[in-house]
């Protein structure tokens, strides 16, 4: 098992042992045909030159504290592909939803493993206070703190890029949850993300999610949606439930609704280097 926090930050060398920069991030394409989440590219920062976004195929040697790439490496395109995310920016230290354990947790580290083909594969995230202590090298001497690793297939990202990439990728957990699972998910993400989740799953399933969710959560999400989309969801309900929701949405929201807050998602701007 390899931890992202122990891989990034190290020097990147070219053939001949010349240091060309530092490893700042790794990218993963969520829609790889094989279904395996292999590291695609490396983001390398340099002191007096633009950063490099290097394909993994340019790596000629990788150890825990030594990373070597080809001498004639090119920086490549700085635009991320449709389903591509950065592990440091979009996952590490962000909030994620464990859709199996139905909990919101902060990512203390990202877990990778080596493949037989000398690639790195993303397998999950580590959460919990023990992981924080290990990362900060503050684990008490002689005390073994258990690991809490959540499989990648069981998480939904709350960062802006991560959330969008998972919504666009049919393999992601959000596309395989039943109404109760989706209701638990939308109750743990910010309102904007919740509306996007319901929109991508369609009105009929969204209607079942509204019925399964706590009424205050369902109301918050429906009120935040464009009125036409909310009307489609209500129209997909049974006549009895549709009538109740139309009446509820016609009323002004109460004070409790106006005071409700959820964890905001991490946003970023610009290109891959931001």
Protein backbone atom coordinates (compact mmCIF):
# COMPACT_ATOMS: atom_id res chain seq x y z
CA UNK A 1 0.00 0.00 0.00
CA UNK A 2 1.28 3.45 -0.95
CA UNK A 3 0.02 6.73 0.48
CA UNK A 4 -0.28 9.83 -1.69
CA UNK A 5 1.07 12.15 1.01
CA UNK A 6 4.32 10.18 1.09
CA UNK A 7 4.72 10.18 -2.69
CA UNK A 8 4.09 13.82 -3.54
CA UNK A 9 6.57 16.53 -2.65
CA UNK A 10 9.62 14.50 -3.66
CA UNK A 11 12.17 15.58 -6.28
CA UNK A 12 11.64 14.46 -9.85
CA UNK A 13 14.81 13.60 -11.72
CA UNK A 14 15.70 13.15 -15.35
CA UNK A 15 18.15 10.57 -16.62
CA UNK A 16 21.58 11.55 -15.36
CA UNK A 17 20.22 12.39 -11.89
CA UNK A 18 19.37 16.00 -12.77
CA UNK A 19 16.55 17.40 -10.61
CA UNK A 20 13.92 19.04 -12.83
CA UNK A 21 11.20 19.78 -10.28
CA UNK A 22 8.96 18.39 -7.56
CA UNK A 23 6.01 16.03 -7.81
CA UNK A 24 2.93 18.10 -6.94
CA UNK A 25 0.03 15.87 -7.96
CA UNK A 26 -1.16 12.75 -9.78
CA UNK A 27 -4.15 12.44 -12.09
CA UNK A 28 -6.55 9.54 -12.58
CA UNK A 29 -9.08 8.99 -15.37
CA UNK A 30 -12.30 7.67 -13.82
CA UNK A 31 -13.61 6.18 -17.08
CA UNK A 32 -10.71 3.93 -18.06
CA UNK A 33 -11.98 1.07 -20.29
CA UNK A 34 -10.40 -1.56 -18.04
CA UNK A 35 -12.31 -0.27 -15.04
CA UNK A 36 -9.05 0.04 -13.11
CA UNK A 37 -8.11 3.50 -11.88
CA UNK A 38 -4.52 3.83 -13.01
CA UNK A 39 -2.49 7.00 -12.55
CA UNK A 40 -2.48 8.78 -15.91
CA UNK A 41 -0.27 11.84 -15.50
CA UNK A 42 2.08 13.58 -13.07
CA UNK A 43 2.01 17.28 -12.28
CA UNK A 44 5.57 18.52 -11.78
CA UNK A 45 6.23 22.03 -10.50
CA UNK A 46 9.46 23.89 -11.34
CA UNK A 47 11.02 26.94 -9.71
CA UNK A 48 11.60 29.18 -12.70
CA UNK A 49 9.58 27.49 -15.41
CA UNK A 50 5.96 26.52 -16.06
CA UNK A 51 4.79 23.25 -14.51
CA UNK A 52 4.80 20.01 -16.47
CA UNK A 53 1.90 17.59 -16.87
CA UNK A 54 3.66 14.38 -17.81
CA UNK A 55 2.09 11.08 -18.99
CA UNK A 56 2.92 8.09 -16.81
CA UNK A 57 4.52 6.47 -19.86
CA UNK A 58 7.41 8.92 -19.46
CA UNK A 59 8.29 7.47 -16.04
CA UNK A 60 11.37 5.27 -16.26
CA UNK A 61 11.88 4.67 -12.54
CA UNK A 62 9.71 5.04 -9.46
CA UNK A 63 10.57 4.24 -5.87
CA UNK A 64 9.17 5.64 -2.66
CA UNK A 65 11.77 8.43 -2.52
CA UNK A 66 13.05 8.48 -6.10
CA UNK A 67 11.14 9.33 -9.27
CA UNK A 68 12.88 9.45 -12.65
CA UNK A 69 11.37 10.48 -15.97
CA UNK A 70 12.65 10.51 -19.55
CA UNK A 71 15.14 13.21 -20.48
CA UNK A 72 13.13 14.44 -23.47
CA UNK A 73 9.86 14.79 -21.58
CA UNK A 74 7.25 17.18 -22.92
CA UNK A 75 4.83 19.12 -20.73
CA UNK A 76 1.74 18.09 -22.66
CA UNK A 77 -1.77 19.51 -22.53
CA UNK A 78 -2.72 21.26 -19.28
CA UNK A 79 -6.44 20.64 -19.75
CA UNK A 80 -7.88 17.74 -17.79
CA UNK A 81 -9.92 15.23 -19.76
CA UNK A 82 -13.64 14.88 -19.11
CA UNK A 83 -13.38 12.26 -16.36
CA UNK A 84 -9.88 13.09 -15.13
CA UNK A 85 -9.24 14.33 -11.59
CA UNK A 86 -6.23 15.42 -9.55
CA UNK A 87 -5.73 13.39 -6.39
CA UNK A 88 -4.11 16.09 -4.24
CA UNK A 89 -6.36 18.95 -5.27
CA UNK A 90 -9.66 17.10 -5.70
CA UNK A 91 -9.45 14.32 -3.09
CA UNK A 92 -6.82 14.79 -0.37
CA UNK A 93 -8.09 16.81 2.63
CA UNK A 94 -11.58 17.08 1.14
CA UNK A 95 -14.86 15.75 2.48
CA UNK A 96 -16.19 12.57 0.87
CA UNK A 97 -19.39 10.64 1.40
CA UNK A 98 -19.02 6.95 2.22
CA UNK A 99 -22.19 5.71 0.51
CA UNK A 100 -21.99 2.28 2.17
CA UNK A 101 -21.28 3.47 5.71
CA UNK A 102 -23.55 6.50 5.10
CA UNK A 103 -21.14 8.97 6.66
CA UNK A 104 -19.35 12.17 5.75
CA UNK A 105 -15.61 11.92 6.33
CA UNK A 106 -12.47 13.93 5.66
CA UNK A 107 -9.80 12.28 3.53
CA UNK A 108 -6.57 12.03 5.53
CA UNK A 109 -4.74 10.23 2.73
CA UNK A 110 -5.25 8.58 -0.65
CA UNK A 111 -4.36 4.90 -0.98
CA UNK A 112 -2.63 3.52 -4.07
CA UNK A 113 -0.97 0.25 -4.98
CA UNK A 114 1.58 -0.92 -7.52
CA UNK A 115 0.46 -3.10 -10.42
CA UNK A 116 2.36 -5.90 -12.12
CA UNK A 117 2.86 -3.56 -15.09
CA UNK A 118 4.75 -1.03 -12.90
CA UNK A 119 1.82 1.39 -12.75
CA UNK A 120 0.12 3.02 -9.78
CA UNK A 121 -3.53 2.18 -9.18
CA UNK A 122 -5.99 4.11 -7.03
CA UNK A 123 -7.78 1.83 -4.56
CA UNK A 124 -9.37 4.04 -1.91
CA UNK A 125 -9.02 6.73 0.72
CA UNK A 126 -7.96 6.61 4.35
CA UNK A 127 -10.06 8.49 6.88
CA UNK A 128 -10.05 8.84 10.63
CA UNK A 129 -7.88 10.38 13.33
CA UNK A 130 -5.32 7.57 13.20
CA UNK A 131 -4.56 8.41 9.57
CA UNK A 132 -4.08 12.06 10.48
CA UNK A 133 -1.60 11.11 13.21
CA UNK A 134 0.37 8.90 10.83
CA UNK A 135 0.47 11.59 8.17
CA UNK A 136 1.76 14.16 10.66
CA UNK A 137 4.15 11.58 12.13
CA UNK A 138 2.52 12.02 15.53
CA UNK A 139 1.43 8.42 16.11
CA UNK A 140 2.22 7.53 19.75
CA UNK A 141 5.26 5.30 20.17
CA UNK A 142 4.29 1.69 20.70
CA UNK A 143 0.62 2.36 19.95
CA UNK A 144 -0.84 0.80 16.82
CA UNK A 145 -3.79 2.80 15.51
CA UNK A 146 -6.12 0.90 13.19
CA UNK A 147 -6.62 1.95 9.60
CA UNK A 148 -9.99 3.04 8.23
CA UNK A 149 -9.78 2.66 4.45
CA UNK A 150 -12.84 3.24 2.28
CA UNK A 151 -12.86 1.54 -1.11
CA UNK A 152 -12.92 3.98 -4.02
CA UNK A 153 -16.08 2.36 -5.40
CA UNK A 154 -17.90 3.35 -2.20
CA UNK A 155 -17.24 7.09 -2.12
CA UNK A 156 -18.69 10.23 -3.64
CA UNK A 157 -16.43 13.26 -3.86
CA UNK A 158 -17.62 16.68 -2.71
CA UNK A 159 -14.90 18.77 -4.37
CA UNK A 160 -16.15 20.67 -7.41
CA UNK A 161 -14.08 18.76 -9.96
CA UNK A 162 -14.47 15.39 -8.27
CA UNK A 163 -18.24 15.69 -7.97
CA UNK A 164 -18.62 16.74 -11.62
CA UNK A 165 -16.34 13.96 -12.89
CA UNK A 166 -18.21 11.29 -10.95
CA UNK A 167 -21.58 12.53 -12.19
CA UNK A 168 -20.27 12.28 -15.76
CA UNK A 169 -18.84 8.77 -15.28
CA UNK A 170 -21.40 5.91 -15.31
CA UNK A 171 -19.11 3.66 -13.23
CA UNK A 172 -19.22 5.97 -10.21
CA UNK A 173 -21.14 5.01 -7.08
CA UNK A 174 -23.76 7.73 -7.52
CA UNK A 175 -25.11 5.93 -10.61
CA UNK A 176 -25.66 2.66 -8.75
CA UNK A 177 -27.51 3.78 -5.62
CA UNK A 178 -31.16 3.03 -4.95
CA UNK A 179 -33.53 5.80 -3.77
CA UNK A 180 -32.67 5.31 -0.10
CA UNK A 181 -28.95 5.45 -0.84
CA UNK A 182 -29.39 8.58 -2.95
CA UNK A 183 -31.51 10.17 -0.22
CA UNK A 184 -28.68 9.60 2.26
CA UNK A 185 -26.19 11.05 -0.22
CA UNK A 186 -28.11 14.25 -1.02
CA UNK A 187 -28.56 14.88 2.70
CA UNK A 188 -24.77 15.00 3.13
CA UNK A 189 -23.70 17.17 0.19
CA UNK A 190 -24.22 20.87 -0.48
CA UNK A 191 -27.49 21.99 -2.03
CA UNK A 192 -26.05 22.70 -5.48
CA UNK A 193 -24.49 19.24 -5.66
CA UNK A 194 -27.73 17.63 -4.45
CA UNK A 195 -29.73 19.27 -7.24
CA UNK A 196 -27.18 18.09 -9.81
CA UNK A 197 -27.40 14.52 -8.50
CA UNK A 198 -31.18 14.46 -8.83
CA UNK A 199 -31.02 16.07 -12.28
CA UNK A 200 -28.64 13.45 -13.65
CA UNK A 201 -30.70 10.52 -12.30
CA UNK A 202 -33.96 11.66 -13.92
CA UNK A 203 -37.41 12.75 -12.62
CA UNK A 204 -38.88 9.32 -11.84
CA UNK A 205 -36.00 8.18 -9.63
CA UNK A 206 -35.67 11.68 -8.19
CA UNK A 207 -39.31 11.47 -7.09
CA UNK A 208 -38.52 8.27 -5.18
CA UNK A 209 -35.50 9.99 -3.60
CA UNK A 210 -37.66 12.90 -2.43
CA UNK A 211 -40.06 10.45 -0.82
CA UNK A 212 -37.19 8.59 0.92
CA UNK A 213 -35.39 11.74 2.12
CA UNK A 214 -36.18 13.77 5.22
CA UNK A 215 -38.84 16.34 4.23
CA UNK A 216 -36.62 19.31 5.11
CA UNK A 217 -33.81 17.95 2.92
CA UNK A 218 -36.17 17.24 0.04
CA UNK A 219 -37.70 20.72 0.32
CA UNK A 220 -34.29 22.39 0.36
CA UNK A 221 -33.26 20.59 -2.81
CA UNK A 222 -36.54 21.09 -4.69
CA UNK A 223 -36.60 24.81 -3.91
CA UNK A 224 -33.03 25.18 -5.16
CA UNK A 225 -33.80 23.56 -8.52
CA UNK A 226 -35.13 25.43 -11.57
CA UNK A 227 -38.91 25.45 -11.21
CA UNK A 228 -39.39 23.41 -14.40
CA UNK A 229 -37.12 20.62 -13.11
CA UNK A 230 -38.80 20.57 -9.71
CA UNK A 231 -42.20 20.41 -11.42
CA UNK A 232 -41.08 17.37 -13.44
CA UNK A 233 -40.04 15.56 -10.27
CA UNK A 234 -43.32 16.36 -8.51
CA UNK A 235 -45.27 15.26 -11.60
CA UNK A 236 -43.54 11.86 -11.43
CA UNK A 237 -44.95 11.25 -7.93
CA UNK A 238 -48.25 9.60 -7.10
CA UNK A 239 -51.21 11.98 -7.16
CA UNK A 240 -51.40 12.06 -3.37
CA UNK A 241 -47.73 12.91 -2.82
CA UNK A 242 -47.64 15.32 -5.75
CA UNK A 243 -50.53 17.28 -4.24
CA UNK A 244 -48.80 17.50 -0.86
CA UNK A 245 -45.55 18.72 -2.40
CA UNK A 246 -47.21 21.30 -4.62
CA UNK A 247 -48.94 22.72 -1.56
CA UNK A 248 -45.73 22.67 0.48
CA UNK A 249 -43.70 24.40 -2.21
CA UNK A 250 -46.33 27.12 -2.62
CA UNK A 251 -45.83 28.14 1.01
CA UNK A 252 -42.97 30.41 2.04
CA UNK A 253 -40.04 28.50 3.59
CA UNK A 254 -39.89 28.51 7.38
CA UNK A 255 -37.11 29.87 9.57
CA UNK A 256 -35.61 26.43 10.14
CA UNK A 257 -35.27 25.96 6.39
CA UNK A 258 -33.60 29.35 5.95
CA UNK A 259 -31.07 28.57 8.69
CA UNK A 260 -30.10 25.16 7.30
CA UNK A 261 -26.46 24.71 6.35
CA UNK A 262 -24.45 21.93 4.73
CA UNK A 263 -20.73 21.52 4.12
CA UNK A 264 -19.66 23.55 1.05
CA UNK A 265 -17.73 21.80 -1.68
CA UNK A 266 -14.12 22.69 -2.46
CA UNK A 267 -13.94 24.85 -5.56
CA UNK A 268 -11.07 25.60 -7.89
CA UNK A 269 -10.54 27.96 -10.78
CA UNK A 270 -8.73 27.91 -14.08
CA UNK A 271 -6.62 25.15 -15.56
CA UNK A 272 -4.97 22.07 -14.12
CA UNK A 273 -2.22 24.10 -12.46
CA UNK A 274 -4.57 25.98 -10.13
